[in-house]
Amino acid sequence: MDSRPLSGHAAHSPIKLEVSLPSGRCETGAVQQLSSIDCLKIAAQQSLGQRFLRLVAPNGRPLDQADCIWFSGLQDGDCLTAFAQQPKIAAARCSAFALWCVGGDRIVTRGDPHYGGDSSRVQHQLRNVQQICSTYSAFAAILADGTVATWGQPDYGGDSSRVQHQLRNVRQICSTDSWQMERW
């Protein structure tokens, strides 16, 4: 990360950046250095007419959406690459779903709030989501650091607080219909 001080006129002046898709299509624009990468991504999505973009710096490093352009190390005239991501969806059987992109910092949840349609309780944890899996009425998300965040109906897996300390280095999750085991 660039450790330039935020004092002076330079941080407040706009810089010109080019954002290009792998197809070769590109757009150039001026952005304020104190803007976030997320704002730059939204502008690129609108300009390029492409949703779900992931921006990559000239050195190949994926840019963190929460970073400020100034602190990301981008310079005037840099050319960024934008990769379209395929959105993924997980649906609970009780009328709730979660939509996300791998590595993204946002997920969208909709549906009955008691059954996983509201992820606001764990939204601050949902950064760099790798996978989301659903049960009858709850969701679990694996994050890039291998931890797991859960939400939804507690009796169906929406509350993992009792075992949270064990949920480290998780690589894959799957679900069942219910936590209850039936006799055969």
N, C-alpha and C. Protein backbone atom coordinates (compact mmCIF):
# COMPACT_ATOMS: atom_id res chain seq x y z
N MET A 1 0.84 -1.17 0.00
CA MET A 1 0.00 0.00 0.00
C MET A 1 0.88 1.23 0.00
N ASP A 2 0.47 2.23 -0.73
CA ASP A 2 1.21 3.47 -0.81
C ASP A 2 1.04 4.24 0.50
N SER A 3 2.12 4.76 1.03
CA SER A 3 2.04 5.46 2.31
C SER A 3 2.20 6.96 2.14
N ARG A 4 1.72 7.51 1.02
CA ARG A 4 1.81 8.94 0.80
C ARG A 4 0.96 9.68 1.83
N PRO A 5 1.44 10.81 2.33
CA PRO A 5 0.63 11.57 3.28
C PRO A 5 -0.57 12.20 2.58
N LEU A 6 -1.62 12.43 3.35
CA LEU A 6 -2.83 13.00 2.79
C LEU A 6 -2.83 14.52 2.77
N SER A 7 -1.74 15.12 3.10
CA SER A 7 -1.70 16.58 3.12
C SER A 7 -1.39 17.11 1.72
N GLY A 8 -1.71 18.34 1.52
CA GLY A 8 -1.36 18.99 0.27
C GLY A 8 -2.46 18.89 -0.77
N HIS A 9 -2.18 19.53 -1.88
CA HIS A 9 -3.15 19.64 -2.96
C HIS A 9 -3.29 18.36 -3.77
N ALA A 10 -2.24 17.55 -3.84
CA ALA A 10 -2.24 16.36 -4.70
C ALA A 10 -3.39 15.40 -4.40
N ALA A 11 -3.69 15.19 -3.13
CA ALA A 11 -4.74 14.23 -2.78
C ALA A 11 -6.13 14.70 -3.22
N HIS A 12 -6.29 15.99 -3.44
CA HIS A 12 -7.60 16.53 -3.80
C HIS A 12 -7.77 16.72 -5.29
N SER A 13 -6.71 16.53 -6.05
CA SER A 13 -6.82 16.71 -7.50
C SER A 13 -7.22 15.39 -8.16
N PRO A 14 -8.03 15.47 -9.22
CA PRO A 14 -8.45 14.24 -9.89
C PRO A 14 -7.31 13.63 -10.70
N ILE A 15 -7.40 12.32 -10.90
CA ILE A 15 -6.46 11.63 -11.77
C ILE A 15 -7.25 10.94 -12.87
N LYS A 16 -6.60 10.70 -14.00
CA LYS A 16 -7.25 10.04 -15.12
C LYS A 16 -6.88 8.56 -15.06
N LEU A 17 -7.91 7.70 -15.13
CA LEU A 17 -7.71 6.26 -15.14
C LEU A 17 -8.45 5.66 -16.32
N GLU A 18 -7.88 4.59 -16.85
CA GLU A 18 -8.54 3.85 -17.92
C GLU A 18 -8.96 2.50 -17.34
N VAL A 19 -10.18 2.08 -17.62
CA VAL A 19 -10.67 0.78 -17.18
C VAL A 19 -11.04 0.00 -18.42
N SER A 20 -10.45 -1.19 -18.56
CA SER A 20 -10.73 -1.98 -19.76
C SER A 20 -11.18 -3.39 -19.41
N LEU A 21 -12.05 -3.90 -20.27
CA LEU A 21 -12.50 -5.29 -20.17
C LEU A 21 -11.53 -6.17 -20.95
N PRO A 22 -11.45 -7.47 -20.65
CA PRO A 22 -10.58 -8.36 -21.41
C PRO A 22 -10.88 -8.35 -22.91
N SER A 23 -12.09 -7.97 -23.29
CA SER A 23 -12.46 -7.91 -24.71
C SER A 23 -11.75 -6.76 -25.43
N GLY A 24 -11.17 -5.83 -24.68
CA GLY A 24 -10.51 -4.68 -25.27
C GLY A 24 -11.31 -3.40 -25.14
N ARG A 25 -12.58 -3.52 -24.86
CA ARG A 25 -13.41 -2.33 -24.68
C ARG A 25 -12.93 -1.59 -23.44
N CYS A 26 -12.79 -0.26 -23.56
CA CYS A 26 -12.30 0.50 -22.40
C CYS A 26 -12.96 1.87 -22.33
N GLU A 27 -12.89 2.42 -21.16
CA GLU A 27 -13.40 3.76 -20.89
C GLU A 27 -12.35 4.50 -20.06
N THR A 28 -12.22 5.79 -20.29
CA THR A 28 -11.28 6.62 -19.54
C THR A 28 -12.08 7.71 -18.85
N GLY A 29 -11.68 8.00 -17.62
CA GLY A 29 -12.36 9.04 -16.89
C GLY A 29 -11.49 9.61 -15.79
N ALA A 30 -11.89 10.76 -15.29
CA ALA A 30 -11.18 11.40 -14.20
C ALA A 30 -11.93 11.11 -12.90
N VAL A 31 -11.17 10.77 -11.86
CA VAL A 31 -11.77 10.47 -10.56
C VAL A 31 -11.00 11.21 -9.47
N GLN A 32 -11.72 11.56 -8.43
CA GLN A 32 -11.09 12.18 -7.27
C GLN A 32 -10.30 11.12 -6.51
N GLN A 33 -9.10 11.46 -6.08
CA GLN A 33 -8.24 10.49 -5.40
C GLN A 33 -8.78 10.08 -4.03
N LEU A 34 -9.66 10.88 -3.45
CA LEU A 34 -10.23 10.53 -2.16
C LEU A 34 -11.50 9.68 -2.29
N SER A 35 -11.89 9.38 -3.54
CA SER A 35 -13.03 8.49 -3.76
C SER A 35 -12.63 7.06 -3.44
N SER A 36 -13.62 6.22 -3.20
CA SER A 36 -13.33 4.81 -2.91
C SER A 36 -13.23 4.02 -4.22
N ILE A 37 -12.58 2.89 -4.14
CA ILE A 37 -12.51 1.96 -5.27
C ILE A 37 -13.93 1.53 -5.64
N ASP A 38 -14.80 1.39 -4.64
CA ASP A 38 -16.19 1.01 -4.90
C ASP A 38 -16.88 2.04 -5.79
N CYS A 39 -16.65 3.33 -5.53
CA CYS A 39 -17.24 4.38 -6.38
C CYS A 39 -16.69 4.29 -7.80
N LEU A 40 -15.39 4.01 -7.92
CA LEU A 40 -14.78 3.83 -9.24
C LEU A 40 -15.40 2.64 -9.96
N LYS A 41 -15.62 1.55 -9.22
CA LYS A 41 -16.20 0.34 -9.81
C LYS A 41 -17.62 0.62 -10.30
N ILE A 42 -18.41 1.32 -9.53
CA ILE A 42 -19.78 1.65 -9.92
C ILE A 42 -19.78 2.51 -11.18
N ALA A 43 -18.87 3.49 -11.25
CA ALA A 43 -18.77 4.34 -12.44
C ALA A 43 -18.37 3.50 -13.65
N ALA A 44 -17.43 2.57 -13.46
CA ALA A 44 -16.99 1.70 -14.56
C ALA A 44 -18.13 0.80 -15.02
N GLN A 45 -18.90 0.27 -14.07
CA GLN A 45 -20.03 -0.59 -14.42
C GLN A 45 -21.03 0.18 -15.28
N GLN A 46 -21.30 1.43 -14.90
CA GLN A 46 -22.26 2.24 -15.65
C GLN A 46 -21.71 2.60 -17.02
N SER A 47 -20.43 2.99 -17.07
CA SER A 47 -19.80 3.39 -18.32
C SER A 47 -19.68 2.24 -19.31
N LEU A 48 -19.29 1.08 -18.80
CA LEU A 48 -19.08 -0.08 -19.66
C LEU A 48 -20.35 -0.90 -19.88
N GLY A 49 -21.42 -0.56 -19.15
CA GLY A 49 -22.67 -1.30 -19.29
C GLY A 49 -22.55 -2.74 -18.85
N GLN A 50 -21.74 -2.96 -17.85
CA GLN A 50 -21.45 -4.32 -17.37
C GLN A 50 -21.60 -4.34 -15.85
N ARG A 51 -22.38 -5.28 -15.33
CA ARG A 51 -22.57 -5.37 -13.88
C ARG A 51 -21.58 -6.37 -13.29
N PHE A 52 -21.44 -6.35 -11.99
CA PHE A 52 -20.64 -7.31 -11.24
C PHE A 52 -19.18 -7.33 -11.69
N LEU A 53 -18.55 -6.17 -11.70
CA LEU A 53 -17.15 -6.08 -12.10
C LEU A 53 -16.22 -6.19 -10.89
N ARG A 54 -15.05 -6.74 -11.12
CA ARG A 54 -13.97 -6.78 -10.14
C ARG A 54 -12.81 -6.04 -10.78
N LEU A 55 -12.30 -4.98 -10.12
CA LEU A 55 -11.22 -4.17 -10.67
C LEU A 55 -9.86 -4.71 -10.22
N VAL A 56 -8.93 -4.71 -11.16
CA VAL A 56 -7.58 -5.21 -10.90
C VAL A 56 -6.58 -4.13 -11.29
N ALA A 57 -5.60 -3.87 -10.40
CA ALA A 57 -4.57 -2.86 -10.62
C ALA A 57 -3.64 -3.27 -11.77
N PRO A 58 -2.86 -2.34 -12.30
CA PRO A 58 -1.93 -2.67 -13.39
C PRO A 58 -0.95 -3.80 -13.04
N ASN A 59 -0.64 -3.97 -11.76
CA ASN A 59 0.29 -5.04 -11.35
C ASN A 59 -0.41 -6.38 -11.13
N GLY A 60 -1.71 -6.46 -11.43
CA GLY A 60 -2.45 -7.71 -11.30
C GLY A 60 -3.09 -7.94 -9.95
N ARG A 61 -2.95 -7.00 -9.04
CA ARG A 61 -3.52 -7.12 -7.69
C ARG A 61 -4.98 -6.69 -7.70
N PRO A 62 -5.89 -7.56 -7.22
CA PRO A 62 -7.30 -7.14 -7.10
C PRO A 62 -7.41 -5.98 -6.13
N LEU A 63 -8.20 -4.99 -6.49
CA LEU A 63 -8.36 -3.81 -5.65
C LEU A 63 -9.45 -4.03 -4.62
N ASP A 64 -9.19 -3.61 -3.40
CA ASP A 64 -10.15 -3.71 -2.32
C ASP A 64 -11.15 -2.58 -2.46
N GLN A 65 -12.43 -2.93 -2.57
CA GLN A 65 -13.49 -1.94 -2.79
C GLN A 65 -13.57 -0.89 -1.70
N ALA A 66 -13.14 -1.23 -0.49
CA ALA A 66 -13.23 -0.30 0.63
C ALA A 66 -12.09 0.72 0.62
N ASP A 67 -11.02 0.45 -0.12
CA ASP A 67 -9.87 1.36 -0.14
C ASP A 67 -10.20 2.66 -0.86
N CYS A 68 -9.48 3.67 -0.50
CA CYS A 68 -9.50 4.96 -1.16
C CYS A 68 -8.55 4.86 -2.36
N ILE A 69 -8.87 5.51 -3.46
CA ILE A 69 -8.01 5.48 -4.64
C ILE A 69 -6.61 5.96 -4.28
N TRP A 70 -6.51 6.98 -3.48
CA TRP A 70 -5.22 7.54 -3.07
C TRP A 70 -4.35 6.48 -2.39
N PHE A 71 -4.92 5.71 -1.46
CA PHE A 71 -4.16 4.71 -0.72
C PHE A 71 -3.95 3.40 -1.48
N SER A 72 -4.66 3.22 -2.59
CA SER A 72 -4.50 1.99 -3.35
C SER A 72 -3.23 1.99 -4.19
N GLY A 73 -2.60 3.16 -4.32
CA GLY A 73 -1.37 3.27 -5.09
C GLY A 73 -1.58 3.57 -6.56
N LEU A 74 -2.82 3.80 -6.97
CA LEU A 74 -3.08 4.11 -8.38
C LEU A 74 -2.53 5.49 -8.72
N GLN A 75 -2.00 5.59 -9.93
CA GLN A 75 -1.39 6.83 -10.41
C GLN A 75 -2.14 7.35 -11.63
N ASP A 76 -1.97 8.63 -11.89
CA ASP A 76 -2.57 9.25 -13.07
C ASP A 76 -2.12 8.49 -14.32
N GLY A 77 -3.09 8.10 -15.16
CA GLY A 77 -2.78 7.40 -16.40
C GLY A 77 -2.77 5.88 -16.30
N ASP A 78 -2.96 5.33 -15.09
CA ASP A 78 -2.96 3.87 -14.94
C ASP A 78 -4.12 3.25 -15.71
N CYS A 79 -3.88 2.03 -16.17
CA CYS A 79 -4.92 1.27 -16.86
C CYS A 79 -5.30 0.07 -16.00
N LEU A 80 -6.55 0.04 -15.59
CA LEU A 80 -7.08 -1.04 -14.76
C LEU A 80 -7.80 -2.05 -15.65
N THR A 81 -7.84 -3.28 -15.20
CA THR A 81 -8.61 -4.30 -15.90
C THR A 81 -9.85 -4.60 -15.07
N ALA A 82 -10.97 -4.73 -15.73
CA ALA A 82 -12.23 -5.05 -15.07
C ALA A 82 -12.69 -6.42 -15.54
N PHE A 83 -12.86 -7.33 -14.60
CA PHE A 83 -13.34 -8.67 -14.92
C PHE A 83 -14.78 -8.81 -14.48
N ALA A 84 -15.60 -9.29 -15.38
CA ALA A 84 -17.01 -9.54 -15.04
C ALA A 84 -17.08 -10.81 -14.20
N GLN A 85 -17.80 -10.73 -13.11
CA GLN A 85 -17.98 -11.87 -12.24
C GLN A 85 -19.37 -12.45 -12.45
N GLN A 86 -19.46 -13.74 -12.31
CA GLN A 86 -20.75 -14.41 -12.41
C GLN A 86 -21.41 -14.38 -11.04
N PRO A 87 -22.55 -13.73 -10.90
CA PRO A 87 -23.22 -13.73 -9.59
C PRO A 87 -23.71 -15.14 -9.26
N LYS A 88 -23.73 -15.44 -7.99
CA LYS A 88 -24.19 -16.75 -7.51
C LYS A 88 -25.39 -16.52 -6.60
N ILE A 89 -26.19 -17.57 -6.46
CA ILE A 89 -27.38 -17.46 -5.62
C ILE A 89 -27.54 -18.72 -4.78
N ALA A 90 -27.97 -18.52 -3.55
CA ALA A 90 -28.33 -19.63 -2.67
C ALA A 90 -29.73 -19.32 -2.16
N ALA A 91 -30.59 -20.31 -2.17
CA ALA A 91 -31.98 -20.10 -1.76
C ALA A 91 -32.35 -21.04 -0.63
N ALA A 92 -32.99 -20.48 0.38
CA ALA A 92 -33.55 -21.29 1.46
C ALA A 92 -34.96 -21.72 1.03
N ARG A 93 -35.42 -22.80 1.56
CA ARG A 93 -36.75 -23.28 1.17
C ARG A 93 -37.87 -22.42 1.72
N CYS A 94 -37.58 -21.62 2.71
CA CYS A 94 -38.61 -20.75 3.31
C CYS A 94 -38.61 -19.35 2.71
N SER A 95 -38.58 -19.25 1.42
CA SER A 95 -38.75 -17.97 0.73
C SER A 95 -37.71 -16.92 1.07
N ALA A 96 -36.44 -17.29 1.05
CA ALA A 96 -35.36 -16.32 1.22
C ALA A 96 -34.22 -16.72 0.30
N PHE A 97 -33.44 -15.72 -0.14
CA PHE A 97 -32.29 -16.02 -0.98
C PHE A 97 -31.15 -15.05 -0.69
N ALA A 98 -29.94 -15.45 -1.08
CA ALA A 98 -28.75 -14.62 -0.98
C ALA A 98 -28.08 -14.59 -2.35
N LEU A 99 -27.69 -13.41 -2.81
CA LEU A 99 -27.02 -13.22 -4.08
C LEU A 99 -25.66 -12.60 -3.80
N TRP A 100 -24.60 -13.15 -4.42
CA TRP A 100 -23.25 -12.63 -4.18
C TRP A 100 -22.34 -12.99 -5.34
N CYS A 101 -21.15 -12.38 -5.35
CA CYS A 101 -20.09 -12.73 -6.28
C CYS A 101 -18.90 -13.17 -5.45
N VAL A 102 -18.21 -14.22 -5.90
CA VAL A 102 -17.06 -14.73 -5.16
C VAL A 102 -16.04 -13.61 -4.99
N GLY A 103 -15.58 -13.44 -3.75
CA GLY A 103 -14.61 -12.41 -3.44
C GLY A 103 -15.22 -11.04 -3.21
N GLY A 104 -16.53 -10.95 -3.36
CA GLY A 104 -17.20 -9.67 -3.21
C GLY A 104 -17.38 -9.26 -1.75
N ASP A 105 -17.65 -7.99 -1.58
CA ASP A 105 -17.84 -7.45 -0.24
C ASP A 105 -19.29 -7.12 0.06
N ARG A 106 -20.15 -7.50 -0.83
CA ARG A 106 -21.57 -7.26 -0.61
C ARG A 106 -22.35 -8.51 -0.99
N ILE A 107 -23.34 -8.78 -0.19
CA ILE A 107 -24.31 -9.78 -0.59
C ILE A 107 -25.68 -9.13 -0.47
N VAL A 108 -26.59 -9.63 -1.24
CA VAL A 108 -27.97 -9.14 -1.19
C VAL A 108 -28.81 -10.30 -0.67
N THR A 109 -29.58 -10.04 0.37
CA THR A 109 -30.51 -11.05 0.88
C THR A 109 -31.92 -10.48 0.81
N ARG A 110 -32.84 -11.32 0.44
CA ARG A 110 -34.24 -10.92 0.34
C ARG A 110 -35.10 -12.08 0.83
N GLY A 111 -36.28 -11.73 1.27
CA GLY A 111 -37.23 -12.74 1.72
C GLY A 111 -37.60 -12.52 3.17
N ASP A 112 -38.22 -13.53 3.75
CA ASP A 112 -38.67 -13.46 5.14
C ASP A 112 -37.46 -13.28 6.06
N PRO A 113 -37.42 -12.19 6.84
CA PRO A 113 -36.26 -11.91 7.69
C PRO A 113 -36.00 -12.99 8.74
N HIS A 114 -37.02 -13.71 9.18
CA HIS A 114 -36.83 -14.75 10.19
C HIS A 114 -36.17 -16.00 9.61
N TYR A 115 -36.17 -16.12 8.31
CA TYR A 115 -35.66 -17.33 7.66
C TYR A 115 -34.47 -17.06 6.75
N GLY A 116 -33.70 -16.02 7.05
CA GLY A 116 -32.48 -15.74 6.31
C GLY A 116 -32.58 -14.62 5.31
N GLY A 117 -33.74 -14.01 5.16
CA GLY A 117 -33.90 -12.91 4.22
C GLY A 117 -33.29 -11.60 4.70
N ASP A 118 -32.77 -11.58 5.92
CA ASP A 118 -32.14 -10.38 6.48
C ASP A 118 -30.79 -10.78 7.06
N SER A 119 -29.72 -10.31 6.44
CA SER A 119 -28.36 -10.63 6.91
C SER A 119 -27.72 -9.45 7.63
N SER A 120 -28.49 -8.44 8.00
CA SER A 120 -27.92 -7.23 8.61
C SER A 120 -27.14 -7.51 9.89
N ARG A 121 -27.51 -8.55 10.63
CA ARG A 121 -26.81 -8.89 11.88
C ARG A 121 -25.35 -9.26 11.62
N VAL A 122 -25.05 -9.83 10.45
CA VAL A 122 -23.68 -10.27 10.14
C VAL A 122 -23.09 -9.53 8.93
N GLN A 123 -23.79 -8.52 8.43
CA GLN A 123 -23.33 -7.83 7.21
C GLN A 123 -21.90 -7.32 7.34
N HIS A 124 -21.51 -6.85 8.52
CA HIS A 124 -20.14 -6.35 8.71
C HIS A 124 -19.08 -7.44 8.56
N GLN A 125 -19.46 -8.70 8.70
CA GLN A 125 -18.53 -9.82 8.55
C GLN A 125 -18.43 -10.28 7.10
N LEU A 126 -19.38 -9.96 6.29
CA LEU A 126 -19.50 -10.54 4.95
C LEU A 126 -18.61 -9.81 3.94
N ARG A 127 -17.30 -9.97 4.10
CA ARG A 127 -16.30 -9.42 3.18
C ARG A 127 -15.53 -10.58 2.56
N ASN A 128 -15.27 -10.49 1.28
CA ASN A 128 -14.55 -11.55 0.56
C ASN A 128 -15.24 -12.89 0.69
N VAL A 129 -16.53 -12.90 0.42
CA VAL A 129 -17.33 -14.12 0.50
C VAL A 129 -16.89 -15.09 -0.60
N GLN A 130 -16.62 -16.33 -0.21
CA GLN A 130 -16.19 -17.36 -1.15
C GLN A 130 -17.33 -18.30 -1.54
N GLN A 131 -18.18 -18.62 -0.58
CA GLN A 131 -19.27 -19.56 -0.82
C GLN A 131 -20.40 -19.27 0.15
N ILE A 132 -21.63 -19.47 -0.28
CA ILE A 132 -22.79 -19.40 0.61
C ILE A 132 -23.60 -20.66 0.37
N CYS A 133 -24.06 -21.23 1.46
CA CYS A 133 -24.88 -22.43 1.41
C CYS A 133 -26.13 -22.18 2.27
N SER A 134 -27.23 -22.79 1.90
CA SER A 134 -28.47 -22.55 2.64
C SER A 134 -29.06 -23.86 3.14
N THR A 135 -29.80 -23.74 4.24
CA THR A 135 -30.59 -24.85 4.75
C THR A 135 -32.05 -24.49 4.49
N TYR A 136 -32.93 -25.13 5.19
CA TYR A 136 -34.36 -24.85 5.06
C TYR A 136 -34.65 -23.37 5.31
N SER A 137 -33.97 -22.79 6.31
CA SER A 137 -34.26 -21.39 6.64
C SER A 137 -33.08 -20.65 7.27
N ALA A 138 -31.86 -20.97 6.84
CA ALA A 138 -30.68 -20.28 7.33
C ALA A 138 -29.58 -20.34 6.27
N PHE A 139 -28.56 -19.50 6.45
CA PHE A 139 -27.45 -19.43 5.51
C PHE A 139 -26.13 -19.46 6.25
N ALA A 140 -25.10 -19.97 5.57
CA ALA A 140 -23.73 -19.94 6.07
C ALA A 140 -22.84 -19.47 4.94
N ALA A 141 -21.91 -18.57 5.25
CA ALA A 141 -20.99 -18.05 4.25
C ALA A 141 -19.56 -18.32 4.68
N ILE A 142 -18.75 -18.85 3.76
CA ILE A 142 -17.31 -18.98 4.01
C ILE A 142 -16.65 -17.71 3.51
N LEU A 143 -15.80 -17.14 4.34
CA LEU A 143 -15.07 -15.94 3.98
C LEU A 143 -13.66 -16.32 3.54
N ALA A 144 -12.94 -15.40 2.91
CA ALA A 144 -11.61 -15.69 2.36
C ALA A 144 -10.63 -16.16 3.42
N ASP A 145 -10.81 -15.72 4.66
CA ASP A 145 -9.88 -16.14 5.73
C ASP A 145 -10.25 -17.49 6.33
N GLY A 146 -11.25 -18.17 5.78
CA GLY A 146 -11.64 -19.50 6.24
C GLY A 146 -12.61 -19.51 7.41
N THR A 147 -13.08 -18.33 7.82
CA THR A 147 -14.08 -18.29 8.88
C THR A 147 -15.47 -18.38 8.24
N VAL A 148 -16.48 -18.58 9.10
CA VAL A 148 -17.84 -18.77 8.62
C VAL A 148 -18.77 -17.80 9.36
N ALA A 149 -19.65 -17.17 8.62
CA ALA A 149 -20.70 -16.32 9.19
C ALA A 149 -22.04 -16.98 8.89
N THR A 150 -22.95 -16.98 9.87
CA THR A 150 -24.26 -17.59 9.68
C THR A 150 -25.36 -16.61 10.07
N TRP A 151 -26.52 -16.78 9.45
CA TRP A 151 -27.69 -15.98 9.78
C TRP A 151 -28.94 -16.73 9.38
N GLY A 152 -30.06 -16.30 9.93
CA GLY A 152 -31.34 -16.94 9.65
C GLY A 152 -31.89 -17.60 10.90
N GLN A 153 -32.77 -18.58 10.72
CA GLN A 153 -33.42 -19.28 11.83
C GLN A 153 -32.37 -20.04 12.65
N PRO A 154 -32.21 -19.72 13.93
CA PRO A 154 -31.19 -20.37 14.76
C PRO A 154 -31.30 -21.90 14.80
N ASP A 155 -32.51 -22.43 14.86
CA ASP A 155 -32.69 -23.88 14.94
C ASP A 155 -32.31 -24.61 13.64
N TYR A 156 -32.08 -23.87 12.58
CA TYR A 156 -31.72 -24.48 11.30
C TYR A 156 -30.33 -24.06 10.83
N GLY A 157 -29.49 -23.62 11.77
CA GLY A 157 -28.11 -23.28 11.44
C GLY A 157 -27.80 -21.80 11.36
N GLY A 158 -28.75 -20.95 11.68
CA GLY A 158 -28.54 -19.50 11.58
C GLY A 158 -27.75 -18.89 12.71
N ASP A 159 -27.43 -19.67 13.73
CA ASP A 159 -26.64 -19.16 14.85
C ASP A 159 -25.53 -20.16 15.16
N SER A 160 -24.31 -19.80 14.79
CA SER A 160 -23.17 -20.69 15.02
C SER A 160 -22.28 -20.18 16.15
N SER A 161 -22.79 -19.29 16.98
CA SER A 161 -21.97 -18.66 18.02
C SER A 161 -21.35 -19.67 18.99
N ARG A 162 -22.03 -20.78 19.26
CA ARG A 162 -21.49 -21.77 20.20
C ARG A 162 -20.28 -22.52 19.64
N VAL A 163 -20.16 -22.60 18.33
CA VAL A 163 -19.04 -23.33 17.71
C VAL A 163 -18.16 -22.42 16.86
N GLN A 164 -18.36 -21.11 16.96
CA GLN A 164 -17.63 -20.16 16.13
C GLN A 164 -16.11 -20.34 16.25
N HIS A 165 -15.63 -20.64 17.44
CA HIS A 165 -14.19 -20.83 17.65
C HIS A 165 -13.64 -22.03 16.88
N GLN A 166 -14.50 -22.95 16.47
CA GLN A 166 -14.07 -24.12 15.70
C GLN A 166 -14.14 -23.88 14.19
N LEU A 167 -14.79 -22.83 13.79
CA LEU A 167 -14.99 -22.57 12.37
C LEU A 167 -13.83 -21.76 11.80
N ARG A 168 -12.69 -22.41 11.68
CA ARG A 168 -11.47 -21.81 11.15
C ARG A 168 -10.95 -22.68 10.00
N ASN A 169 -10.34 -22.06 9.03
CA ASN A 169 -9.76 -22.77 7.88
C ASN A 169 -10.79 -23.65 7.17
N VAL A 170 -12.03 -23.21 7.12
CA VAL A 170 -13.09 -23.94 6.44
C VAL A 170 -12.92 -23.74 4.94
N ARG A 171 -12.97 -24.82 4.19
CA ARG A 171 -12.78 -24.75 2.75
C ARG A 171 -14.07 -24.97 1.96
N GLN A 172 -15.00 -25.71 2.56
CA GLN A 172 -16.26 -25.99 1.86
C GLN A 172 -17.35 -26.25 2.88
N ILE A 173 -18.56 -25.87 2.54
CA ILE A 173 -19.72 -26.15 3.39
C ILE A 173 -20.81 -26.77 2.52
N CYS A 174 -21.68 -27.50 3.16
CA CYS A 174 -22.87 -28.03 2.49
C CYS A 174 -23.98 -28.06 3.51
N SER A 175 -25.18 -28.33 3.08
CA SER A 175 -26.31 -28.26 3.99
C SER A 175 -27.18 -29.50 3.90
N THR A 176 -28.03 -29.60 4.91
CA THR A 176 -29.08 -30.61 4.90
C THR A 176 -30.39 -29.85 4.98
N ASP A 177 -31.47 -30.57 4.95
CA ASP A 177 -32.77 -29.93 5.03
C ASP A 177 -33.04 -29.43 6.45
N SER A 178 -32.50 -30.14 7.43
CA SER A 178 -32.79 -29.81 8.82
C SER A 178 -31.67 -30.33 9.70
N TRP A 179 -31.58 -29.80 10.90
CA TRP A 179 -30.57 -30.26 11.84
C TRP A 179 -31.01 -31.55 12.53
N GLN A 180 -32.29 -31.88 12.43
CA GLN A 180 -32.80 -33.05 13.11
C GLN A 180 -32.53 -34.32 12.30
N MET A 181 -32.12 -35.36 12.99
CA MET A 181 -31.90 -36.64 12.34
C MET A 181 -33.13 -37.51 12.59
N GLU A 182 -33.62 -38.11 11.57
CA GLU A 182 -34.78 -38.98 11.72
C GLU A 182 -34.33 -40.44 11.78
N ARG A 183 -35.07 -41.24 12.47
CA ARG A 183 -34.79 -42.68 12.52
C ARG A 183 -35.30 -43.32 11.26
N TRP A 184 -34.58 -44.30 10.77
CA TRP A 184 -34.97 -45.00 9.55
C TRP A 184 -35.94 -46.06 9.86
